[in-house]
Amino acid sequence: MGQSWRVDETYIKIKGKWKYLYRAVDKAGETVDFLLRAQRDKAAAQRYFEKSIDQNGEPETITIDKSGSNLAALEALNAQRDTPIKISQDKYLNNIIEQDHRAIKRRTRPMLGFKTFRCARILPGGIELMHMTGRGS
């Protein structure tokens, strides 16, 4: 415990349509997890949080922007838990992840979007891996 995540989503173009890449980083800016979803709603956000918590453990605090779907998903998760995760809504604390989106955008922009959802799901994994090893973590 004792960890804090900053969570946000960014857009990636697939077949000319925008899809949503959910991402989380810790206080130091290290990537915690990511998930590409077709929708930006409570179900997509809840799936992302469940996956991230299963793979990385439960954080003490999650900072989100003013997104209603993220808030609704976290409140639904907290309703099922004995010890709730503290939710912080502060757009300025999320500047770490907003700046971190640049690495994904810088790599994907020259591609002019992806042709398939499968490719778009696989490639950010490689980008995140390169990004994490480039920092020396």
C-alpha atoms as a PDB file:
ATOM      1  CA  MET A   1       0.000   0.000   0.000  1.00  0.00           C
ATOM      2  CA  GLY A   2       1.026   3.617   0.287  1.00  0.00           C
ATOM      3  CA  GLN A   3       0.986   4.123  -3.440  1.00  0.00           C
ATOM      4  CA  SER A   4      -0.806   6.787  -5.413  1.00  0.00           C
ATOM      5  CA  TRP A   5      -1.893   6.630  -9.049  1.00  0.00           C
ATOM      6  CA  ARG A   6      -2.775   9.323 -11.542  1.00  0.00           C
ATOM      7  CA  VAL A   7      -5.273   8.048 -14.123  1.00  0.00           C
ATOM      8  CA  ASP A   8      -6.358   9.616 -17.388  1.00  0.00           C
ATOM      9  CA  GLU A   9      -7.358   8.628 -20.889  1.00  0.00           C
ATOM     10  CA  THR A  10      -6.111   9.818 -24.231  1.00  0.00           C
ATOM     11  CA  TYR A  11      -7.369   9.313 -27.770  1.00  0.00           C
ATOM     12  CA  ILE A  12      -5.922   7.108 -30.505  1.00  0.00           C
ATOM     13  CA  LYS A  13      -7.296   7.022 -34.039  1.00  0.00           C
ATOM     14  CA  ILE A  14      -8.249   3.568 -35.371  1.00  0.00           C
ATOM     15  CA  LYS A  15      -9.815   3.246 -38.836  1.00  0.00           C
ATOM     16  CA  GLY A  16     -10.574   6.958 -38.760  1.00  0.00           C
ATOM     17  CA  LYS A  17     -12.434   6.800 -35.410  1.00  0.00           C
ATOM     18  CA  TRP A  18     -11.174   7.870 -32.003  1.00  0.00           C
ATOM     19  CA  LYS A  19     -10.709   5.157 -29.353  1.00  0.00           C
ATOM     20  CA  TYR A  20      -9.642   5.606 -25.746  1.00  0.00           C
ATOM     21  CA  LEU A  21      -6.351   4.591 -24.167  1.00  0.00           C
ATOM     22  CA  TYR A  22      -6.698   4.516 -20.378  1.00  0.00           C
ATOM     23  CA  ARG A  23      -3.369   4.985 -18.592  1.00  0.00           C
ATOM     24  CA  ALA A  24      -2.112   5.229 -15.027  1.00  0.00           C
ATOM     25  CA  VAL A  25       1.214   6.438 -13.683  1.00  0.00           C
ATOM     26  CA  ASP A  26       2.548   6.578 -10.139  1.00  0.00           C
ATOM     27  CA  LYS A  27       3.894   9.668  -8.352  1.00  0.00           C
ATOM     28  CA  ALA A  28       7.295   9.263 -10.011  1.00  0.00           C
ATOM     29  CA  GLY A  29       5.727   9.148 -13.479  1.00  0.00           C
ATOM     30  CA  GLU A  30       6.340   5.421 -13.984  1.00  0.00           C
ATOM     31  CA  THR A  31       3.637   3.637 -15.988  1.00  0.00           C
ATOM     32  CA  VAL A  32       1.401   1.464 -13.829  1.00  0.00           C
ATOM     33  CA  ASP A  33      -0.938   0.078 -16.496  1.00  0.00           C
ATOM     34  CA  PHE A  34      -2.842   0.895 -19.683  1.00  0.00           C
ATOM     35  CA  LEU A  35      -5.871  -0.448 -21.554  1.00  0.00           C
ATOM     36  CA  LEU A  36      -7.342   0.421 -24.956  1.00  0.00           C
ATOM     37  CA  ARG A  37     -11.144   0.589 -25.068  1.00  0.00           C
ATOM     38  CA  ALA A  38     -13.624   1.462 -27.801  1.00  0.00           C
ATOM     39  CA  GLN A  39     -15.922   3.388 -25.456  1.00  0.00           C
ATOM     40  CA  ARG A  40     -15.367   6.038 -22.818  1.00  0.00           C
ATOM     41  CA  ASP A  41     -18.002   5.115 -20.253  1.00  0.00           C
ATOM     42  CA  LYS A  42     -18.400   3.691 -16.763  1.00  0.00           C
ATOM     43  CA  ALA A  43     -18.074   0.066 -17.926  1.00  0.00           C
ATOM     44  CA  ALA A  44     -14.802   0.758 -19.774  1.00  0.00           C
ATOM     45  CA  ALA A  45     -13.353   2.675 -16.830  1.00  0.00           C
ATOM     46  CA  GLN A  46     -14.429  -0.008 -14.357  1.00  0.00           C
ATOM     47  CA  ARG A  47     -12.829  -2.739 -16.492  1.00  0.00           C
ATOM     48  CA  TYR A  48      -9.621  -0.711 -16.595  1.00  0.00           C
ATOM     49  CA  PHE A  49      -9.513  -0.180 -12.822  1.00  0.00           C
ATOM     50  CA  GLU A  50     -10.263  -3.853 -12.099  1.00  0.00           C
ATOM     51  CA  LYS A  51      -7.497  -4.986 -14.472  1.00  0.00           C
ATOM     52  CA  SER A  52      -4.980  -2.512 -13.065  1.00  0.00           C
ATOM     53  CA  ILE A  53      -5.713  -3.396  -9.436  1.00  0.00           C
ATOM     54  CA  ASP A  54      -5.549  -7.147 -10.157  1.00  0.00           C
ATOM     55  CA  GLN A  55      -2.157  -6.802 -11.839  1.00  0.00           C
ATOM     56  CA  ASN A  56      -0.533  -4.106  -9.686  1.00  0.00           C
ATOM     57  CA  GLY A  57      -2.206  -4.231  -6.293  1.00  0.00           C
ATOM     58  CA  GLU A  58      -4.563  -1.771  -4.699  1.00  0.00           C
ATOM     59  CA  PRO A  59      -3.453   1.858  -4.511  1.00  0.00           C
ATOM     60  CA  GLU A  60      -4.207   4.045  -1.529  1.00  0.00           C
ATOM     61  CA  THR A  61      -5.238   7.040  -3.666  1.00  0.00           C
ATOM     62  CA  ILE A  62      -6.282   7.478  -7.292  1.00  0.00           C
ATOM     63  CA  THR A  63      -6.211  10.968  -8.776  1.00  0.00           C
ATOM     64  CA  ILE A  64      -8.495  11.549 -11.746  1.00  0.00           C
ATOM     65  CA  ASP A  65      -9.648  14.564 -13.713  1.00  0.00           C
ATOM     66  CA  LYS A  66     -13.276  15.667 -13.708  1.00  0.00           C
ATOM     67  CA  SER A  67     -14.356  12.664 -15.801  1.00  0.00           C
ATOM     68  CA  GLY A  68     -17.757  11.430 -14.650  1.00  0.00           C
ATOM     69  CA  SER A  69     -17.208   7.903 -15.979  1.00  0.00           C
ATOM     70  CA  ASN A  70     -13.978   7.437 -14.003  1.00  0.00           C
ATOM     71  CA  LEU A  71     -15.627   8.732 -10.836  1.00  0.00           C
ATOM     72  CA  ALA A  72     -18.674   6.465 -11.286  1.00  0.00           C
ATOM     73  CA  ALA A  73     -16.441   3.427 -11.909  1.00  0.00           C
ATOM     74  CA  LEU A  74     -14.320   4.092  -8.812  1.00  0.00           C
ATOM     75  CA  GLU A  75     -17.400   4.624  -6.655  1.00  0.00           C
ATOM     76  CA  ALA A  76     -18.808   1.302  -7.912  1.00  0.00           C
ATOM     77  CA  LEU A  77     -15.516  -0.435  -7.071  1.00  0.00           C
ATOM     78  CA  ASN A  78     -15.405   1.173  -3.620  1.00  0.00           C
ATOM     79  CA  ALA A  79     -18.941  -0.059  -2.901  1.00  0.00           C
ATOM     80  CA  GLN A  80     -17.632  -3.645  -3.219  1.00  0.00           C
ATOM     81  CA  ARG A  81     -14.560  -3.128  -0.986  1.00  0.00           C
ATOM     82  CA  ASP A  82     -14.011  -3.208   2.759  1.00  0.00           C
ATOM     83  CA  THR A  83     -11.364  -0.473   2.591  1.00  0.00           C
ATOM     84  CA  PRO A  84     -12.261   2.065  -0.090  1.00  0.00           C
ATOM     85  CA  ILE A  85      -9.706   3.643  -2.387  1.00  0.00           C
ATOM     86  CA  LYS A  86      -9.427   7.385  -1.803  1.00  0.00           C
ATOM     87  CA  ILE A  87     -10.528   9.332  -4.893  1.00  0.00           C
ATOM     88  CA  SER A  88      -8.978  12.697  -5.631  1.00  0.00           C
ATOM     89  CA  GLN A  89     -10.273  14.875  -8.461  1.00  0.00           C
ATOM     90  CA  ASP A  90      -7.633  17.456  -9.267  1.00  0.00           C
ATOM     91  CA  LYS A  91      -6.651  18.374 -12.798  1.00  0.00           C
ATOM     92  CA  TYR A  92      -3.347  19.899 -11.659  1.00  0.00           C
ATOM     93  CA  LEU A  93      -2.113  16.740  -9.929  1.00  0.00           C
ATOM     94  CA  ASN A  94      -2.824  14.919 -13.180  1.00  0.00           C
ATOM     95  CA  ASN A  95      -0.296  17.068 -15.071  1.00  0.00           C
ATOM     96  CA  ILE A  96       2.220  14.224 -14.686  1.00  0.00           C
ATOM     97  CA  ILE A  97       0.120  11.883 -16.796  1.00  0.00           C
ATOM     98  CA  GLU A  98      -0.987  14.598 -19.207  1.00  0.00           C
ATOM     99  CA  GLN A  99       2.691  15.243 -20.005  1.00  0.00           C
ATOM    100  CA  ASP A 100       3.319  11.498 -20.179  1.00  0.00           C
ATOM    101  CA  HIS A 101       0.714  11.156 -22.958  1.00  0.00           C
ATOM    102  CA  ARG A 102       3.176  13.025 -25.171  1.00  0.00           C
ATOM    103  CA  ALA A 103       5.336   9.899 -25.582  1.00  0.00           C
ATOM    104  CA  ILE A 104       2.400   7.922 -26.980  1.00  0.00           C
ATOM    105  CA  LYS A 105       1.258  10.793 -29.194  1.00  0.00           C
ATOM    106  CA  ARG A 106       4.768  11.432 -30.489  1.00  0.00           C
ATOM    107  CA  ARG A 107       5.072   7.798 -31.631  1.00  0.00           C
ATOM    108  CA  THR A 108       1.553   7.345 -33.022  1.00  0.00           C
ATOM    109  CA  ARG A 109       1.007  10.683 -34.788  1.00  0.00           C
ATOM    110  CA  PRO A 110       3.334   9.915 -37.743  1.00  0.00           C
ATOM    111  CA  MET A 111       1.456   6.627 -38.250  1.00  0.00           C
ATOM    112  CA  LEU A 112      -1.712   8.558 -39.139  1.00  0.00           C
ATOM    113  CA  GLY A 113      -3.816   6.171 -37.084  1.00  0.00           C
ATOM    114  CA  PHE A 114      -4.068   2.393 -36.930  1.00  0.00           C
ATOM    115  CA  LYS A 115      -5.774   0.072 -39.404  1.00  0.00           C
ATOM    116  CA  THR A 116      -7.035  -2.494 -36.853  1.00  0.00           C
ATOM    117  CA  PHE A 117      -8.004  -2.443 -33.200  1.00  0.00           C
ATOM    118  CA  ARG A 118      -5.701  -5.441 -32.599  1.00  0.00           C
ATOM    119  CA  CYS A 119      -2.633  -3.541 -33.841  1.00  0.00           C
ATOM    120  CA  ALA A 120      -3.636  -0.494 -31.829  1.00  0.00           C
ATOM    121  CA  ARG A 121      -3.921  -2.664 -28.720  1.00  0.00           C
ATOM    122  CA  ILE A 122      -0.489  -4.277 -29.190  1.00  0.00           C
ATOM    123  CA  LEU A 123       1.624  -1.292 -30.252  1.00  0.00           C
ATOM    124  CA  PRO A 124       1.087   0.918 -27.162  1.00  0.00           C
ATOM    125  CA  GLY A 125       2.452  -1.997 -25.105  1.00  0.00           C
ATOM    126  CA  GLY A 126       5.728  -1.753 -27.010  1.00  0.00           C
ATOM    127  CA  ILE A 127       5.755   2.023 -26.748  1.00  0.00           C
ATOM    128  CA  GLU A 128       5.159   1.840 -22.983  1.00  0.00           C
ATOM    129  CA  LEU A 129       7.898  -0.774 -22.614  1.00  0.00           C
ATOM    130  CA  MET A 130      10.396   1.386 -24.534  1.00  0.00           C
ATOM    131  CA  HIS A 131       9.318   4.417 -22.516  1.00  0.00           C
ATOM    132  CA  MET A 132       9.831   2.592 -19.198  1.00  0.00           C
ATOM    133  CA  THR A 133      13.253   1.181 -20.142  1.00  0.00           C
ATOM    134  CA  GLY A 134      14.356   4.561 -21.515  1.00  0.00           C
ATOM    135  CA  ARG A 135      13.908   6.035 -18.050  1.00  0.00           C
ATOM    136  CA  GLY A 136      16.149   3.402 -16.548  1.00  0.00           C
ATOM    137  CA  SER A 137      13.468   1.665 -14.486  1.00  0.00           C
END
